[in-house]
């Protein structure tokens, strides 16, 4: 998710998206521990997107 897209979201949308991505991150992380995922960079991208959402949510509050 791009920074411009994140800035356009409301605080409620940010919280919903954050919860969704955190669940996806834990699922991908767990599946990676069991057997390697095809694209391990996906884990890094999810972690960074979660950080961007947290930052934007803090700025909006």
PDB file of N, CA and C in Angstrom:
ATOM      1  N   UNK A   1       0.843  -1.164   0.000  1.00  0.00           N
ATOM      2  CA  UNK A   1       0.000   0.000   0.000  1.00  0.00           C
ATOM      3  C   UNK A   1       0.894   1.234   0.000  1.00  0.00           C
ATOM      4  N   UNK A   2       0.595   2.173  -0.856  1.00  0.00           N
ATOM      5  CA  UNK A   2       1.431   3.358  -0.988  1.00  0.00           C
ATOM      6  C   UNK A   2       1.076   4.400   0.065  1.00  0.00           C
ATOM      7  N   UNK A   3       2.038   5.268   0.352  1.00  0.00           N
ATOM      8  CA  UNK A   3       1.860   6.286   1.371  1.00  0.00           C
ATOM      9  C   UNK A   3       0.709   7.228   1.013  1.00  0.00           C
ATOM     10  N   UNK A   4       0.555   7.569  -0.252  1.00  0.00           N
ATOM     11  CA  UNK A   4      -0.526   8.463  -0.663  1.00  0.00           C
ATOM     12  C   UNK A   4      -1.886   7.828  -0.397  1.00  0.00           C
ATOM     13  N   UNK A   5      -2.001   6.525  -0.608  1.00  0.00           N
ATOM     14  CA  UNK A   5      -3.252   5.825  -0.332  1.00  0.00           C
ATOM     15  C   UNK A   5      -3.550   5.821   1.160  1.00  0.00           C
ATOM     16  N   UNK A   6      -2.522   5.658   1.963  1.00  0.00           N
ATOM     17  CA  UNK A   6      -2.694   5.616   3.410  1.00  0.00           C
ATOM     18  C   UNK A   6      -3.154   6.966   3.941  1.00  0.00           C
ATOM     19  N   UNK A   7      -2.615   8.050   3.404  1.00  0.00           N
ATOM     20  CA  UNK A   7      -2.978   9.389   3.874  1.00  0.00           C
ATOM     21  C   UNK A   7      -4.441   9.709   3.591  1.00  0.00           C
ATOM     22  N   UNK A   8      -5.023   9.105   2.557  1.00  0.00           N
ATOM     23  CA  UNK A   8      -6.409   9.388   2.196  1.00  0.00           C
ATOM     24  C   UNK A   8      -7.424   8.621   3.041  1.00  0.00           C
ATOM     25  N   UNK A   9      -6.983   7.654   3.832  1.00  0.00           N
ATOM     26  CA  UNK A   9      -7.899   6.859   4.643  1.00  0.00           C
ATOM     27  C   UNK A   9      -8.284   7.598   5.923  1.00  0.00           C
ATOM     28  N   UNK A  10      -9.506   7.337   6.398  1.00  0.00           N
ATOM     29  CA  UNK A  10      -9.940   7.918   7.668  1.00  0.00           C
ATOM     30  C   UNK A  10      -9.368   7.095   8.814  1.00  0.00           C
ATOM     31  N   UNK A  11      -9.538   7.583  10.034  1.00  0.00           N
ATOM     32  CA  UNK A  11      -8.984   6.893  11.206  1.00  0.00           C
ATOM     33  C   UNK A  11      -9.625   5.519  11.373  1.00  0.00           C
ATOM     34  N   UNK A  12     -10.921   5.413  11.137  1.00  0.00           N
ATOM     35  CA  UNK A  12     -11.604   4.117  11.243  1.00  0.00           C
ATOM     36  C   UNK A  12     -11.115   3.136  10.201  1.00  0.00           C
ATOM     37  N   UNK A  13     -10.940   3.631   8.983  1.00  0.00           N
ATOM     38  CA  UNK A  13     -10.428   2.773   7.913  1.00  0.00           C
ATOM     39  C   UNK A  13      -9.004   2.308   8.218  1.00  0.00           C
ATOM     40  N   UNK A  14      -8.207   3.200   8.793  1.00  0.00           N
ATOM     41  CA  UNK A  14      -6.833   2.849   9.154  1.00  0.00           C
ATOM     42  C   UNK A  14      -6.817   1.723  10.184  1.00  0.00           C
ATOM     43  N   UNK A  15      -7.699   1.811  11.179  1.00  0.00           N
ATOM     44  CA  UNK A  15      -7.743   0.773  12.208  1.00  0.00           C
ATOM     45  C   UNK A  15      -8.192  -0.558  11.624  1.00  0.00           C
ATOM     46  N   UNK A  16      -9.185  -0.522  10.727  1.00  0.00           N
ATOM     47  CA  UNK A  16      -9.654  -1.761  10.094  1.00  0.00           C
ATOM     48  C   UNK A  16      -8.554  -2.393   9.249  1.00  0.00           C
ATOM     49  N   UNK A  17      -7.890  -1.591   8.450  1.00  0.00           N
ATOM     50  CA  UNK A  17      -6.820  -2.082   7.584  1.00  0.00           C
ATOM     51  C   UNK A  17      -5.653  -2.603   8.421  1.00  0.00           C
ATOM     52  N   UNK A  18      -5.367  -1.925   9.521  1.00  0.00           N
ATOM     53  CA  UNK A  18      -4.287  -2.338  10.404  1.00  0.00           C
ATOM     54  C   UNK A  18      -4.576  -3.706  11.017  1.00  0.00           C
ATOM     55  N   UNK A  19      -5.792  -3.910  11.469  1.00  0.00           N
ATOM     56  CA  UNK A  19      -6.159  -5.205  12.044  1.00  0.00           C
ATOM     57  C   UNK A  19      -6.077  -6.303  10.994  1.00  0.00           C
ATOM     58  N   UNK A  20      -6.519  -5.991   9.783  1.00  0.00           N
ATOM     59  CA  UNK A  20      -6.484  -6.961   8.680  1.00  0.00           C
ATOM     60  C   UNK A  20      -5.044  -7.347   8.331  1.00  0.00           C
ATOM     61  N   UNK A  21      -4.170  -6.358   8.239  1.00  0.00           N
ATOM     62  CA  UNK A  21      -2.782  -6.625   7.874  1.00  0.00           C
ATOM     63  C   UNK A  21      -2.016  -7.333   8.988  1.00  0.00           C
ATOM     64  N   UNK A  22      -2.332  -7.019  10.247  1.00  0.00           N
ATOM     65  CA  UNK A  22      -1.678  -7.709  11.356  1.00  0.00           C
ATOM     66  C   UNK A  22      -2.043  -9.197  11.340  1.00  0.00           C
ATOM     67  N   UNK A  23      -3.312  -9.499  11.047  1.00  0.00           N
ATOM     68  CA  UNK A  23      -3.736 -10.900  10.973  1.00  0.00           C
ATOM     69  C   UNK A  23      -3.034 -11.606   9.820  1.00  0.00           C
ATOM     70  N   UNK A  24      -2.932 -10.928   8.694  1.00  0.00           N
ATOM     71  CA  UNK A  24      -2.249 -11.513   7.536  1.00  0.00           C
ATOM     72  C   UNK A  24      -0.759 -11.714   7.828  1.00  0.00           C
ATOM     73  N   UNK A  25      -0.154 -10.756   8.523  1.00  0.00           N
ATOM     74  CA  UNK A  25       1.262 -10.850   8.861  1.00  0.00           C
ATOM     75  C   UNK A  25       1.536 -12.065   9.746  1.00  0.00           C
ATOM     76  N   UNK A  26       0.703 -12.265  10.754  1.00  0.00           N
ATOM     77  CA  UNK A  26       0.922 -13.410  11.634  1.00  0.00           C
ATOM     78  C   UNK A  26       0.716 -14.718  10.887  1.00  0.00           C
ATOM     79  N   UNK A  27      -0.241 -14.744   9.972  1.00  0.00           N
ATOM     80  CA  UNK A  27      -0.486 -15.949   9.185  1.00  0.00           C
ATOM     81  C   UNK A  27       0.705 -16.265   8.285  1.00  0.00           C
ATOM     82  N   UNK A  28       1.237 -15.255   7.611  1.00  0.00           N
ATOM     83  CA  UNK A  28       2.382 -15.450   6.714  1.00  0.00           C
ATOM     84  C   UNK A  28       3.616 -15.829   7.521  1.00  0.00           C
ATOM     85  N   UNK A  29       3.804 -15.192   8.670  1.00  0.00           N
ATOM     86  CA  UNK A  29       4.960 -15.480   9.507  1.00  0.00           C
ATOM     87  C   UNK A  29       4.921 -16.936   9.999  1.00  0.00           C
ATOM     88  N   UNK A  30       3.746 -17.393  10.403  1.00  0.00           N
ATOM     89  CA  UNK A  30       3.600 -18.763  10.870  1.00  0.00           C
ATOM     90  C   UNK A  30       3.829 -19.759   9.740  1.00  0.00           C
ATOM     91  N   UNK A  31       3.263 -19.484   8.576  1.00  0.00           N
ATOM     92  CA  UNK A  31       3.451 -20.404   7.456  1.00  0.00           C
ATOM     93  C   UNK A  31       4.904 -20.417   6.990  1.00  0.00           C
ATOM     94  N   UNK A  32       5.610 -19.320   7.173  1.00  0.00           N
ATOM     95  CA  UNK A  32       7.025 -19.264   6.797  1.00  0.00           C
ATOM     96  C   UNK A  32       7.871 -20.113   7.751  1.00  0.00           C
ATOM     97  N   UNK A  33       7.466 -20.177   9.005  1.00  0.00           N
ATOM     98  CA  UNK A  33       8.209 -21.012   9.958  1.00  0.00           C
ATOM     99  C   UNK A  33       8.026 -22.493   9.653  1.00  0.00           C
ATOM    100  N   UNK A  34       6.834 -22.859   9.187  1.00  0.00           N
ATOM    101  CA  UNK A  34       6.557 -24.260   8.871  1.00  0.00           C
ATOM    102  C   UNK A  34       7.280 -24.671   7.590  1.00  0.00           C
ATOM    103  N   UNK A  35       7.046 -23.922   6.543  1.00  0.00           N
ATOM    104  CA  UNK A  35       7.750 -24.160   5.286  1.00  0.00           C
ATOM    105  C   UNK A  35       7.979 -22.806   4.621  1.00  0.00           C
ATOM    106  N   UNK A  36       9.123 -22.614   3.994  1.00  0.00           N
ATOM    107  CA  UNK A  36       9.445 -21.298   3.421  1.00  0.00           C
ATOM    108  C   UNK A  36       8.402 -20.826   2.402  1.00  0.00           C
ATOM    109  N   UNK A  37       8.040 -19.560   2.489  1.00  0.00           N
ATOM    110  CA  UNK A  37       7.096 -18.983   1.531  1.00  0.00           C
ATOM    111  C   UNK A  37       7.829 -18.680   0.234  1.00  0.00           C
ATOM    112  N   UNK A  38       7.047 -18.550  -0.832  1.00  0.00           N
ATOM    113  CA  UNK A  38       7.644 -18.277  -2.143  1.00  0.00           C
ATOM    114  C   UNK A  38       8.368 -16.938  -2.161  1.00  0.00           C
ATOM    115  N   UNK A  39       7.744 -15.931  -1.542  1.00  0.00           N
ATOM    116  CA  UNK A  39       8.293 -14.585  -1.602  1.00  0.00           C
ATOM    117  C   UNK A  39       8.532 -14.065  -0.178  1.00  0.00           C
ATOM    118  N   UNK A  40       9.722 -14.285   0.379  1.00  0.00           N
ATOM    119  CA  UNK A  40       9.969 -13.836   1.747  1.00  0.00           C
ATOM    120  C   UNK A  40       9.988 -12.313   1.910  1.00  0.00           C
ATOM    121  N   UNK A  41      10.116 -11.594   0.815  1.00  0.00           N
ATOM    122  CA  UNK A  41      10.095 -10.131   0.886  1.00  0.00           C
ATOM    123  C   UNK A  41       8.695  -9.640   1.250  1.00  0.00           C
ATOM    124  N   UNK A  42       7.693 -10.487   1.038  1.00  0.00           N
ATOM    125  CA  UNK A  42       6.322 -10.152   1.403  1.00  0.00           C
ATOM    126  C   UNK A  42       6.218  -9.890   2.907  1.00  0.00           C
ATOM    127  N   UNK A  43       6.983 -10.616   3.706  1.00  0.00           N
ATOM    128  CA  UNK A  43       6.967 -10.432   5.158  1.00  0.00           C
ATOM    129  C   UNK A  43       7.476  -9.034   5.509  1.00  0.00           C
ATOM    130  N   UNK A  44       8.558  -8.630   4.877  1.00  0.00           N
ATOM    131  CA  UNK A  44       9.134  -7.308   5.124  1.00  0.00           C
ATOM    132  C   UNK A  44       8.164  -6.212   4.674  1.00  0.00           C
ATOM    133  N   UNK A  45       7.530  -6.404   3.530  1.00  0.00           N
ATOM    134  CA  UNK A  45       6.584  -5.410   3.029  1.00  0.00           C
ATOM    135  C   UNK A  45       5.385  -5.257   3.962  1.00  0.00           C
ATOM    136  N   UNK A  46       4.882  -6.373   4.475  1.00  0.00           N
ATOM    137  CA  UNK A  46       3.755  -6.311   5.407  1.00  0.00           C
ATOM    138  C   UNK A  46       4.147  -5.569   6.685  1.00  0.00           C
ATOM    139  N   UNK A  47       5.333  -5.879   7.201  1.00  0.00           N
ATOM    140  CA  UNK A  47       5.796  -5.223   8.422  1.00  0.00           C
ATOM    141  C   UNK A  47       5.926  -3.715   8.208  1.00  0.00           C
ATOM    142  N   UNK A  48       6.437  -3.310   7.077  1.00  0.00           N
ATOM    143  CA  UNK A  48       6.607  -1.878   6.789  1.00  0.00           C
ATOM    144  C   UNK A  48       5.261  -1.191   6.585  1.00  0.00           C
ATOM    145  N   UNK A  49       4.322  -1.871   5.936  1.00  0.00           N
ATOM    146  CA  UNK A  49       3.001  -1.291   5.734  1.00  0.00           C
ATOM    147  C   UNK A  49       2.290  -1.111   7.070  1.00  0.00           C
ATOM    148  N   UNK A  50       2.443  -2.087   7.963  1.00  0.00           N
ATOM    149  CA  UNK A  50       1.852  -1.969   9.293  1.00  0.00           C
ATOM    150  C   UNK A  50       2.450  -0.773  10.025  1.00  0.00           C
ATOM    151  N   UNK A  51       3.740  -0.570   9.906  1.00  0.00           N
ATOM    152  CA  UNK A  51       4.395   0.574  10.541  1.00  0.00           C
ATOM    153  C   UNK A  51       3.892   1.891   9.953  1.00  0.00           C
ATOM    154  N   UNK A  52       3.696   1.933   8.646  1.00  0.00           N
ATOM    155  CA  UNK A  52       3.174   3.146   8.003  1.00  0.00           C
ATOM    156  C   UNK A  52       1.763   3.451   8.496  1.00  0.00           C
ATOM    157  N   UNK A  53       0.934   2.411   8.610  1.00  0.00           N
ATOM    158  CA  UNK A  53      -0.434   2.611   9.096  1.00  0.00           C
ATOM    159  C   UNK A  53      -0.424   3.102  10.540  1.00  0.00           C
ATOM    160  N   UNK A  54       0.426   2.530  11.379  1.00  0.00           N
ATOM    161  CA  UNK A  54       0.527   2.971  12.775  1.00  0.00           C
ATOM    162  C   UNK A  54       0.954   4.425  12.852  1.00  0.00           C
ATOM    163  N   UNK A  55       1.906   4.824  12.039  1.00  0.00           N
ATOM    164  CA  UNK A  55       2.391   6.194  12.034  1.00  0.00           C
ATOM    165  C   UNK A  55       1.290   7.154  11.605  1.00  0.00           C
ATOM    166  N   UNK A  56       0.587   6.827  10.555  1.00  0.00           N
ATOM    167  CA  UNK A  56      -0.468   7.698  10.066  1.00  0.00           C
ATOM    168  C   UNK A  56      -1.623   7.781  11.067  1.00  0.00           C
ATOM    169  N   UNK A  57      -1.931   6.678  11.712  1.00  0.00           N
ATOM    170  CA  UNK A  57      -2.992   6.668  12.718  1.00  0.00           C
ATOM    171  C   UNK A  57      -2.610   7.562  13.896  1.00  0.00           C
ATOM    172  N   UNK A  58      -1.358   7.528  14.302  1.00  0.00           N
ATOM    173  CA  UNK A  58      -0.894   8.391  15.382  1.00  0.00           C
ATOM    174  C   UNK A  58      -0.959   9.851  14.962  1.00  0.00           C
ATOM    175  N   UNK A  59      -0.636  10.145  13.721  1.00  0.00           N
ATOM    176  CA  UNK A  59      -0.688  11.537  13.235  1.00  0.00           C
ATOM    177  C   UNK A  59      -2.112  12.051  13.176  1.00  0.00           C
ATOM    178  N   UNK A  60      -3.065  11.198  12.870  1.00  0.00           N
ATOM    179  CA  UNK A  60      -4.465  11.633  12.760  1.00  0.00           C
ATOM    180  C   UNK A  60      -5.097  11.851  14.134  1.00  0.00           C
ATOM    181  N   UNK A  61      -4.559  11.211  15.158  1.00  0.00           N
ATOM    182  CA  UNK A  61      -5.169  11.357  16.497  1.00  0.00           C
ATOM    183  C   UNK A  61      -4.651  12.551  17.232  1.00  0.00           C
TER     184      UNK A  61
END
